[in-house]
Amino acid sequence: MTKIFAILETLLSFVIVFGILVFVHELGHFFMAKLLKIKVEVFSWGIGKRLFGIKKGDTDYRISLVPIGGFVKFSGEEAYEEKREPSPDDFMAKKRWERFLVLVTGSLMNIFLAVLLVSIISMVGVTVPEFSGQKPVIGWIDPGSPAEGANLKVNDEILSINKRKTKTWGELEIAVGTKPKRLITVEYKRGEEILNVQLMTESRTRFSMGYAGFYPKILVQVIYIAPGNPAEEAGLKVGDVFLAINGEYIYYHRFLKVVAENPGKELEFLVEREGEILTFHITPRLDGKVGKIGIGPGMKSELKKFGFFSAIGRGIKENWKLTFVLVNYVKDLAMGEASATQIAGPIEIARFSRTFFRMGFFALMGFIAFISLQLGVVNLFPIPLLDGGQILVLCLEGLFRRDFSAKVKQIVMQVGFVMFILLFVFVILNDIARNLPKGWESFLFWK
């Protein structure tokens, strides 16, 4: 029953997320078409065979079989309909700039939704790790990692990856994370000296995230306390932030190491609590083979709330930054500097939908904003079958001052359909491969 419930919850979460995204996208096309007095024949959530719906006026509002998209069908948009005399309310009877507006508004609505949701979340309050906006100064290096092999040191400041500036840890994590098993050039500052070094990243997690082995100066914050353990007995509270152990100013990974290596030995912890500096003497208890004090260690975070205009500004700024991340990823992908295995398909989106669904309303809204932005931006890429491909054709027609023939448009659509099917098959197999023991090699049954 538990597995069945999990599957049903996953499907429900996916339908909520994708339903909102598709509805908003198609609503953009629909709204602009109505505004320009274009006859809309079909407004469909999903593609394929019509399951059910209602017809109101000239439009068939329907739910279709395959819930991986949706479409709006305008009168006179099909290439073969060029053979008949166009009606004033046909799509093809409208001027090119009007058709452009209809095509682009779907993506703009998704981008608007992303900005709106991030703005609302910012007004309610968003918890962010303290280090994410700080300069990328190294606070810890994993032993045996690529970073150690490249002779990087604690307190080195990373300036750029492959000549792309990294002003914050957030930017650095993205720069490295999108380059698994790649030789990268790291520009860093040590004292007053600017140095360069190359290192080969590793691939970690089932999403093939790039790993170098350096970490920021993360202070440990207590996120929960286990009953009956040394931390509770000493009087620690949720929200306390550890600053030092035995007089040594200490960060996340070093904190875990010191506690683990000292079971049965009393340690002096310097703790910050609501601006006050306190001292606790705690003896880690042996748990298995390591010492523990009975806390859930988290990264020091801060809750930020924004006013109305500041929240809108943050919504625009954050989505603008994510747009550049996406564009840079696609650029790196085309140049072979990023891995295509990091692309998530419907299965992974469904899994994430369930995760955020269980985390609560605002967590789910944040996830919808993230996917909505990507959907809006990717749809503007000049790929046949997507809005961007049709916009490209429209721009070329404007450049040559004539409409292309029905045959040319039909070929473009057929090429786009084949590309879409190939991409869809790839992302589905990629989602499946992530959950197999050997990844893509699991499909090579003859090995």
Protein backbone atom coordinates (compact mmCIF):
# COMPACT_ATOMS: atom_id res chain seq x y z
CA MET A 1 0.00 0.00 0.00
CA THR A 2 2.88 2.36 0.80
CA LYS A 3 4.32 2.01 -2.72
CA ILE A 4 0.91 2.52 -4.32
CA PHE A 5 0.35 5.63 -2.21
CA ALA A 6 3.80 6.97 -3.19
CA ILE A 7 3.05 6.42 -6.89
CA LEU A 8 -0.34 8.11 -6.63
CA GLU A 9 1.18 11.02 -4.69
CA THR A 10 3.91 11.37 -7.33
CA LEU A 11 1.36 11.39 -10.16
CA LEU A 12 -0.82 13.93 -8.35
CA SER A 13 2.18 16.20 -7.70
CA PHE A 14 3.29 15.96 -11.32
CA VAL A 15 -0.20 16.75 -12.61
CA ILE A 16 -0.38 19.82 -10.34
CA VAL A 17 3.03 21.12 -11.40
CA PHE A 18 2.79 20.36 -15.09
CA GLY A 19 -0.88 21.29 -15.23
CA ILE A 20 -0.15 24.79 -13.93
CA LEU A 21 2.83 25.26 -16.28
CA VAL A 22 1.01 24.06 -19.41
CA PHE A 23 -2.17 25.98 -18.58
CA VAL A 24 -0.28 29.24 -18.05
CA HIS A 25 1.75 28.76 -21.26
CA GLU A 26 -1.22 27.98 -23.46
CA LEU A 27 -3.26 30.70 -21.75
CA GLY A 28 -0.66 33.18 -23.02
CA HIS A 29 -1.17 32.07 -26.63
CA PHE A 30 -4.94 31.99 -26.14
CA PHE A 31 -5.19 35.42 -24.52
CA MET A 32 -3.11 37.16 -27.19
CA ALA A 33 -5.02 35.41 -29.99
CA LYS A 34 -8.34 36.56 -28.56
CA LEU A 35 -6.95 40.07 -28.13
CA LEU A 36 -5.99 40.13 -31.81
CA LYS A 37 -9.36 38.61 -32.84
CA ILE A 38 -7.94 35.31 -34.06
CA LYS A 39 -10.35 32.38 -34.06
CA VAL A 40 -9.24 29.68 -31.58
CA GLU A 41 -10.50 26.22 -32.53
CA VAL A 42 -8.88 24.13 -29.74
CA PHE A 43 -7.48 24.84 -26.27
CA SER A 44 -5.99 21.54 -25.06
CA TRP A 45 -4.26 20.44 -21.87
CA GLY A 46 -2.21 17.45 -23.01
CA ILE A 47 -1.61 16.17 -26.53
CA GLY A 48 -2.97 13.26 -28.55
CA LYS A 49 -6.48 11.86 -28.45
CA ARG A 50 -9.24 14.01 -26.95
CA LEU A 51 -10.53 12.51 -23.71
CA PHE A 52 -13.23 14.99 -22.72
CA GLY A 53 -14.03 18.69 -22.70
CA ILE A 54 -16.60 21.31 -23.54
CA LYS A 55 -17.21 23.45 -26.59
CA LYS A 56 -17.96 27.10 -26.00
CA GLY A 57 -18.36 29.38 -28.99
CA ASP A 58 -15.77 28.50 -31.62
CA THR A 59 -13.38 26.84 -29.14
CA ASP A 60 -13.12 23.22 -27.99
CA TYR A 61 -11.70 23.28 -24.44
CA ARG A 62 -10.36 19.75 -23.94
CA ILE A 63 -8.25 17.37 -21.88
CA SER A 64 -6.13 15.11 -24.10
CA LEU A 65 -4.55 11.71 -23.54
CA VAL A 66 -0.82 12.42 -23.07
CA PRO A 67 -0.12 14.91 -20.22
CA ILE A 68 3.31 16.07 -21.46
CA GLY A 69 2.26 19.37 -22.95
CA GLY A 70 -0.65 21.15 -24.52
CA PHE A 71 -1.58 23.27 -27.49
CA VAL A 72 -3.82 25.97 -28.85
CA LYS A 73 -5.04 25.49 -32.43
CA PHE A 74 -5.86 28.62 -34.39
CA SER A 75 -8.05 28.79 -37.44
CA GLY A 76 -5.98 28.83 -40.63
CA GLU A 77 -2.60 28.07 -39.05
CA GLU A 78 -2.09 24.72 -40.78
CA ALA A 79 0.06 24.88 -43.90
CA TYR A 80 -2.42 23.03 -46.07
CA GLU A 81 -5.04 25.68 -45.33
CA GLU A 82 -3.08 28.14 -47.48
CA LYS A 83 -4.94 26.57 -50.42
CA ARG A 84 -8.20 28.18 -49.34
CA GLU A 85 -9.10 31.85 -49.18
CA PRO A 86 -8.09 33.04 -45.68
CA SER A 87 -10.73 34.43 -43.35
CA PRO A 88 -10.06 37.73 -41.49
CA ASP A 89 -9.96 35.82 -38.19
CA ASP A 90 -7.42 33.24 -39.47
CA PHE A 91 -3.98 33.09 -37.90
CA MET A 92 -2.26 33.37 -41.29
CA ALA A 93 -4.40 36.38 -42.23
CA LYS A 94 -2.79 38.44 -39.50
CA LYS A 95 0.33 40.55 -39.89
CA ARG A 96 3.69 39.03 -38.99
CA TRP A 97 4.12 41.17 -35.86
CA GLU A 98 0.70 39.98 -34.66
CA ARG A 99 1.62 36.32 -35.23
CA PHE A 100 4.92 36.97 -33.44
CA LEU A 101 3.06 38.30 -30.39
CA VAL A 102 0.82 35.23 -30.29
CA LEU A 103 3.81 32.86 -30.47
CA VAL A 104 5.98 34.65 -27.92
CA THR A 105 3.29 35.28 -25.28
CA GLY A 106 3.20 31.65 -24.12
CA SER A 107 6.83 31.76 -23.02
CA LEU A 108 6.44 35.26 -21.61
CA MET A 109 3.58 34.02 -19.42
CA ASN A 110 5.80 31.24 -18.03
CA ILE A 111 8.56 33.75 -17.30
CA PHE A 112 6.02 36.10 -15.71
CA LEU A 113 4.73 33.24 -13.53
CA ALA A 114 8.29 32.50 -12.35
CA VAL A 115 8.88 36.17 -11.44
CA LEU A 116 5.49 36.40 -9.70
CA LEU A 117 6.01 33.28 -7.57
CA VAL A 118 9.55 34.21 -6.53
CA SER A 119 8.29 37.69 -5.62
CA ILE A 120 5.48 36.27 -3.48
CA ILE A 121 7.86 33.83 -1.74
CA SER A 122 10.28 36.73 -1.09
CA MET A 123 7.54 38.72 0.63
CA VAL A 124 6.55 35.74 2.80
CA GLY A 125 10.20 35.09 3.66
CA VAL A 126 12.96 32.99 2.15
CA THR A 127 15.63 31.08 4.08
CA VAL A 128 19.02 31.19 2.35
CA PRO A 129 22.40 29.72 3.40
CA GLU A 130 24.63 32.52 4.64
CA PHE A 131 27.59 31.44 2.50
CA SER A 132 25.78 31.42 -0.88
CA GLY A 133 26.14 35.16 -1.44
CA GLN A 134 29.69 35.41 -0.04
CA LYS A 135 32.97 35.50 -1.95
CA PRO A 136 34.16 31.96 -2.84
CA VAL A 137 36.94 31.71 -0.26
CA ILE A 138 37.84 28.09 0.48
CA GLY A 139 37.13 26.91 4.04
CA TRP A 140 37.70 23.17 3.59
CA ILE A 141 39.29 20.79 1.08
CA ASP A 142 38.42 17.10 1.04
CA PRO A 143 41.47 14.84 1.46
CA GLY A 144 42.31 13.06 -1.81
CA SER A 145 40.03 15.36 -3.84
CA PRO A 146 40.86 17.03 -7.20
CA ALA A 147 41.25 20.32 -5.33
CA GLU A 148 43.91 18.84 -3.02
CA GLY A 149 45.67 17.30 -6.00
CA ALA A 150 45.74 20.74 -7.66
CA ASN A 151 47.41 22.16 -4.49
CA LEU A 152 44.54 24.52 -3.68
CA LYS A 153 44.58 25.69 -0.06
CA VAL A 154 42.18 26.89 2.62
CA ASN A 155 41.67 30.69 2.29
CA ASP A 156 42.34 30.68 -1.46
CA GLU A 157 39.68 32.76 -3.23
CA ILE A 158 38.33 31.30 -6.49
CA LEU A 159 38.06 34.07 -9.08
CA SER A 160 36.91 32.20 -12.19
CA ILE A 161 36.28 28.79 -13.76
CA ASN A 162 37.27 28.48 -17.43
CA LYS A 163 37.56 32.30 -17.55
CA ARG A 164 33.96 32.69 -16.35
CA LYS A 165 33.89 34.93 -13.26
CA THR A 166 32.64 33.43 -9.99
CA LYS A 167 31.78 36.30 -7.66
CA THR A 168 29.87 34.19 -5.11
CA TRP A 169 29.79 30.61 -3.86
CA GLY A 170 26.43 30.20 -5.56
CA GLU A 171 28.00 31.01 -8.94
CA LEU A 172 31.01 28.77 -8.22
CA GLU A 173 28.83 25.77 -7.31
CA ILE A 174 26.96 26.09 -10.60
CA ALA A 175 30.19 26.55 -12.60
CA VAL A 176 31.71 23.35 -11.17
CA GLY A 177 28.47 21.39 -10.79
CA THR A 178 27.67 21.59 -14.51
CA LYS A 179 31.08 20.20 -15.50
CA PRO A 180 31.45 16.59 -14.30
CA LYS A 181 34.56 14.72 -15.49
CA ARG A 182 35.87 17.83 -17.24
CA LEU A 183 39.29 19.47 -17.19
CA ILE A 184 38.67 22.96 -15.83
CA THR A 185 40.95 25.95 -15.40
CA VAL A 186 40.68 27.53 -11.96
CA GLU A 187 41.87 31.09 -11.46
CA TYR A 188 42.39 31.88 -7.78
CA LYS A 189 43.90 34.45 -5.45
CA ARG A 190 46.36 33.44 -2.73
CA GLY A 191 47.37 36.43 -0.65
CA GLU A 192 48.09 39.11 -3.24
CA GLU A 193 49.08 36.64 -5.97
CA ILE A 194 46.77 35.60 -8.84
CA LEU A 195 47.37 31.99 -9.90
CA ASN A 196 45.93 29.45 -12.35
CA VAL A 197 45.66 25.69 -12.09
CA GLN A 198 43.90 22.94 -14.04
CA LEU A 199 42.06 20.10 -12.38
CA MET A 200 39.90 17.21 -13.56
CA THR A 201 36.52 17.22 -11.82
CA GLU A 202 34.79 14.04 -10.73
CA SER A 203 31.14 13.07 -11.16
CA ARG A 204 29.05 12.74 -8.01
CA THR A 205 25.41 11.81 -7.31
CA ARG A 206 23.03 10.23 -9.81
CA PHE A 207 22.67 13.63 -11.48
CA SER A 208 26.36 13.58 -12.51
CA MET A 209 27.19 16.75 -10.62
CA GLY A 210 30.71 18.07 -11.04
CA TYR A 211 32.87 17.70 -7.90
CA ALA A 212 36.18 19.43 -7.14
CA GLY A 213 36.38 18.91 -3.37
CA PHE A 214 36.54 22.49 -2.05
CA TYR A 215 33.88 23.97 0.24
CA PRO A 216 33.03 27.39 1.69
CA LYS A 217 33.46 28.61 5.23
CA ILE A 218 30.16 27.19 6.48
CA LEU A 219 29.28 27.74 10.12
CA VAL A 220 27.32 24.89 11.73
CA GLN A 221 23.81 25.72 12.95
CA VAL A 222 21.72 23.37 15.10
CA ILE A 223 18.58 22.34 13.19
CA TYR A 224 17.39 19.73 15.69
CA ILE A 225 18.49 18.13 18.96
CA ALA A 226 18.07 14.42 19.68
CA PRO A 227 16.53 13.76 23.14
CA GLY A 228 18.77 12.25 25.80
CA ASN A 229 22.05 13.18 24.09
CA PRO A 230 25.00 15.34 25.23
CA ALA A 231 23.79 18.42 23.32
CA GLU A 232 20.43 18.41 25.12
CA GLU A 233 22.04 17.73 28.48
CA ALA A 234 24.43 20.68 27.97
CA GLY A 235 21.56 23.07 27.17
CA LEU A 236 22.06 23.67 23.44
CA LYS A 237 19.04 24.97 21.52
CA VAL A 238 17.83 24.81 17.93
CA GLY A 239 19.25 27.80 16.06
CA ASP A 240 22.53 27.91 17.99
CA VAL A 241 25.58 28.53 15.77
CA PHE A 242 28.98 26.95 16.55
CA LEU A 243 31.94 29.30 16.22
CA ALA A 244 34.89 27.40 17.71
CA ILE A 245 36.01 24.17 19.40
CA ASN A 246 38.79 24.36 22.01
CA GLY A 247 39.63 27.87 20.82
CA GLU A 248 39.91 26.88 17.13
CA TYR A 249 37.57 28.84 14.84
CA ILE A 250 35.85 26.04 12.98
CA TYR A 251 33.70 25.34 9.93
CA TYR A 252 31.25 22.61 8.94
CA HIS A 253 33.51 19.78 7.71
CA ARG A 254 36.20 20.40 10.31
CA PHE A 255 33.48 20.53 13.02
CA LEU A 256 32.19 17.08 12.02
CA LYS A 257 35.73 15.68 11.95
CA VAL A 258 36.71 16.99 15.40
CA VAL A 259 33.51 15.73 17.06
CA ALA A 260 33.79 12.35 15.36
CA GLU A 261 37.42 11.87 16.44
CA ASN A 262 36.90 12.75 20.11
CA PRO A 263 34.40 10.37 21.73
CA GLY A 264 34.66 10.47 25.54
CA LYS A 265 36.75 13.66 25.53
CA GLU A 266 35.31 16.91 26.85
CA LEU A 267 35.37 19.71 24.25
CA GLU A 268 34.81 23.42 24.73
CA PHE A 269 32.29 24.82 22.21
CA LEU A 270 31.96 28.54 21.54
CA VAL A 271 28.35 29.18 20.47
CA GLU A 272 26.44 32.20 19.19
CA ARG A 273 22.80 32.46 20.32
CA GLU A 274 20.77 35.48 19.20
CA GLY A 275 23.82 37.73 19.19
CA GLU A 276 25.15 36.45 22.54
CA ILE A 277 28.40 34.40 22.74
CA LEU A 278 28.14 31.39 25.07
CA THR A 279 30.53 28.60 26.10
CA PHE A 280 29.49 24.93 26.50
CA HIS A 281 31.54 21.97 27.68
CA ILE A 282 30.25 18.84 25.93
CA THR A 283 31.64 15.31 25.76
CA PRO A 284 30.83 13.51 22.46
CA ARG A 285 29.27 10.10 23.00
CA LEU A 286 30.55 7.06 21.09
CA ASP A 287 28.02 6.06 18.43
CA GLY A 288 29.27 3.11 16.40
CA LYS A 289 32.88 4.05 15.74
CA VAL A 290 32.59 7.86 15.93
CA GLY A 291 31.77 10.54 18.46
CA LYS A 292 28.44 12.39 18.29
CA ILE A 293 26.80 15.06 20.46
CA GLY A 294 23.23 14.43 19.23
CA ILE A 295 22.47 17.35 16.94
CA GLY A 296 21.31 17.74 13.36
CA PRO A 297 24.06 19.94 11.90
CA GLY A 298 22.88 22.39 9.28
CA MET A 299 24.41 25.30 7.41
CA LYS A 300 24.02 28.69 9.04
CA SER A 301 21.09 30.33 7.27
CA GLU A 302 19.12 33.50 7.54
CA LEU A 303 15.45 34.30 6.94
CA LYS A 304 15.00 37.25 4.61
CA LYS A 305 11.71 39.07 4.08
CA PHE A 306 11.29 41.68 1.38
CA GLY A 307 8.88 44.56 0.94
CA PHE A 308 6.57 44.69 -2.09
CA PHE A 309 8.88 46.48 -4.54
CA SER A 310 12.03 44.80 -3.18
CA ALA A 311 10.35 41.41 -3.61
CA ILE A 312 9.50 42.17 -7.24
CA GLY A 313 13.09 43.29 -7.77
CA ARG A 314 14.37 40.06 -6.26
CA GLY A 315 11.94 38.04 -8.42
CA ILE A 316 13.32 39.70 -11.56
CA LYS A 317 16.95 39.47 -10.42
CA GLU A 318 16.87 35.80 -9.41
CA ASN A 319 15.13 34.73 -12.60
CA TRP A 320 17.52 36.81 -14.69
CA LYS A 321 20.46 35.02 -13.04
CA LEU A 322 18.87 31.59 -13.60
CA THR A 323 18.23 32.47 -17.25
CA PHE A 324 21.94 33.10 -17.75
CA VAL A 325 22.74 29.83 -15.93
CA LEU A 326 20.47 27.95 -18.35
CA VAL A 327 21.83 29.71 -21.43
CA ASN A 328 25.43 29.10 -20.31
CA TYR A 329 24.63 25.43 -19.65
CA VAL A 330 23.21 25.01 -23.17
CA LYS A 331 26.27 26.80 -24.58
CA ASP A 332 28.61 24.53 -22.59
CA LEU A 333 26.58 21.51 -23.69
CA ALA A 334 27.00 22.47 -27.34
CA MET A 335 30.77 22.91 -26.81
CA GLY A 336 31.11 19.60 -24.97
CA GLU A 337 31.95 21.24 -21.62
CA ALA A 338 28.77 20.08 -19.86
CA SER A 339 27.08 16.71 -19.53
CA ALA A 340 23.74 15.94 -21.21
CA THR A 341 23.04 13.39 -18.46
CA GLN A 342 22.18 16.30 -16.14
CA ILE A 343 19.01 17.01 -18.15
CA ALA A 344 15.94 15.93 -16.18
CA GLY A 345 12.92 14.45 -17.94
CA PRO A 346 9.30 13.82 -16.88
CA ILE A 347 10.20 11.01 -14.48
CA GLU A 348 12.66 13.13 -12.50
CA ILE A 349 10.39 16.17 -12.61
CA ALA A 350 7.62 13.97 -11.18
CA ARG A 351 9.94 12.76 -8.40
CA PHE A 352 10.98 16.31 -7.53
CA SER A 353 7.33 17.41 -7.69
CA ARG A 354 6.46 14.90 -4.98
CA THR A 355 9.45 15.96 -2.85
CA PHE A 356 8.47 19.64 -2.94
CA PHE A 357 4.78 18.78 -2.57
CA ARG A 358 5.60 17.09 0.74
CA MET A 359 7.75 20.06 1.83
CA GLY A 360 4.78 22.41 1.74
CA PHE A 361 2.95 25.01 -0.34
CA PHE A 362 5.71 27.59 -0.73
CA ALA A 363 8.37 24.98 -1.44
CA LEU A 364 6.16 23.63 -4.24
CA MET A 365 5.57 27.16 -5.56
CA GLY A 366 9.34 27.71 -5.65
CA PHE A 367 9.79 24.53 -7.67
CA ILE A 368 7.01 25.54 -10.08
CA ALA A 369 8.74 28.91 -10.54
CA PHE A 370 12.04 27.17 -11.31
CA ILE A 371 10.52 24.83 -13.92
CA SER A 372 8.29 27.57 -15.37
CA LEU A 373 11.30 29.77 -16.10
CA GLN A 374 13.11 26.92 -17.83
CA LEU A 375 10.03 26.05 -19.87
CA GLY A 376 9.61 29.68 -20.91
CA VAL A 377 13.25 30.17 -21.91
CA VAL A 378 13.74 26.80 -23.64
CA ASN A 379 10.57 27.34 -25.68
CA LEU A 380 12.20 30.43 -27.17
CA PHE A 381 15.21 28.48 -28.46
CA PRO A 382 15.21 28.32 -32.30
CA ILE A 383 14.26 24.64 -32.43
CA PRO A 384 11.62 23.43 -34.93
CA LEU A 385 8.27 22.53 -33.34
CA LEU A 386 8.94 24.79 -30.32
CA ASP A 387 7.65 28.37 -30.29
CA GLY A 388 11.20 29.59 -30.87
CA GLY A 389 11.46 27.59 -34.09
CA GLN A 390 8.25 29.10 -35.43
CA ILE A 391 9.38 32.57 -34.35
CA LEU A 392 12.64 32.03 -36.26
CA VAL A 393 10.70 31.09 -39.41
CA LEU A 394 8.53 34.18 -38.95
CA CYS A 395 11.62 36.40 -38.58
CA LEU A 396 13.20 34.89 -41.70
CA GLU A 397 9.98 35.51 -43.61
CA GLY A 398 10.11 39.13 -42.48
CA LEU A 399 13.75 39.35 -43.55
CA PHE A 400 12.99 37.99 -47.03
CA ARG A 401 9.68 39.90 -47.14
CA ARG A 402 7.64 36.87 -48.18
CA ASP A 403 6.00 33.83 -46.57
CA PHE A 404 7.66 30.48 -47.12
CA SER A 405 5.71 27.85 -49.04
CA ALA A 406 3.48 25.32 -47.32
CA LYS A 407 5.93 22.57 -48.32
CA VAL A 408 8.88 24.29 -46.61
CA LYS A 409 6.88 24.81 -43.43
CA GLN A 410 5.72 21.22 -43.48
CA ILE A 411 9.32 19.98 -43.77
CA VAL A 412 10.38 22.21 -40.87
CA MET A 413 7.55 20.81 -38.73
CA GLN A 414 8.43 17.22 -39.64
CA VAL A 415 12.09 17.78 -38.76
CA GLY A 416 11.00 19.38 -35.50
CA PHE A 417 8.73 16.45 -34.69
CA VAL A 418 11.56 13.94 -35.22
CA MET A 419 13.89 16.06 -33.05
CA PHE A 420 11.23 16.25 -30.33
CA ILE A 421 10.68 12.48 -30.32
CA LEU A 422 14.44 11.79 -30.17
CA LEU A 423 14.87 14.27 -27.32
CA PHE A 424 11.88 12.85 -25.46
CA VAL A 425 13.22 9.28 -25.77
CA PHE A 426 16.64 10.45 -24.57
CA VAL A 427 15.36 12.22 -21.44
CA ILE A 428 13.12 9.25 -20.55
CA LEU A 429 16.03 6.79 -20.89
CA ASN A 430 18.27 9.22 -19.02
CA ASP A 431 15.78 9.35 -16.12
CA ILE A 432 15.66 5.55 -16.05
CA ALA A 433 19.47 5.25 -16.28
CA ARG A 434 19.90 7.43 -13.16
CA ASN A 435 18.13 4.79 -11.12
CA LEU A 436 20.01 1.79 -12.53
CA PRO A 437 23.15 0.39 -10.84
CA LYS A 438 25.52 1.17 -13.72
CA GLY A 439 23.69 4.10 -15.28
CA TRP A 440 23.67 4.06 -19.09
CA GLU A 441 25.88 0.98 -19.11
CA SER A 442 22.95 -0.99 -17.69
CA PHE A 443 21.31 -0.77 -21.13
CA LEU A 444 24.30 -2.57 -22.71
CA PHE A 445 22.97 -6.04 -21.89
CA TRP A 446 25.63 -7.75 -24.00
CA LYS A 447 28.42 -6.51 -21.71
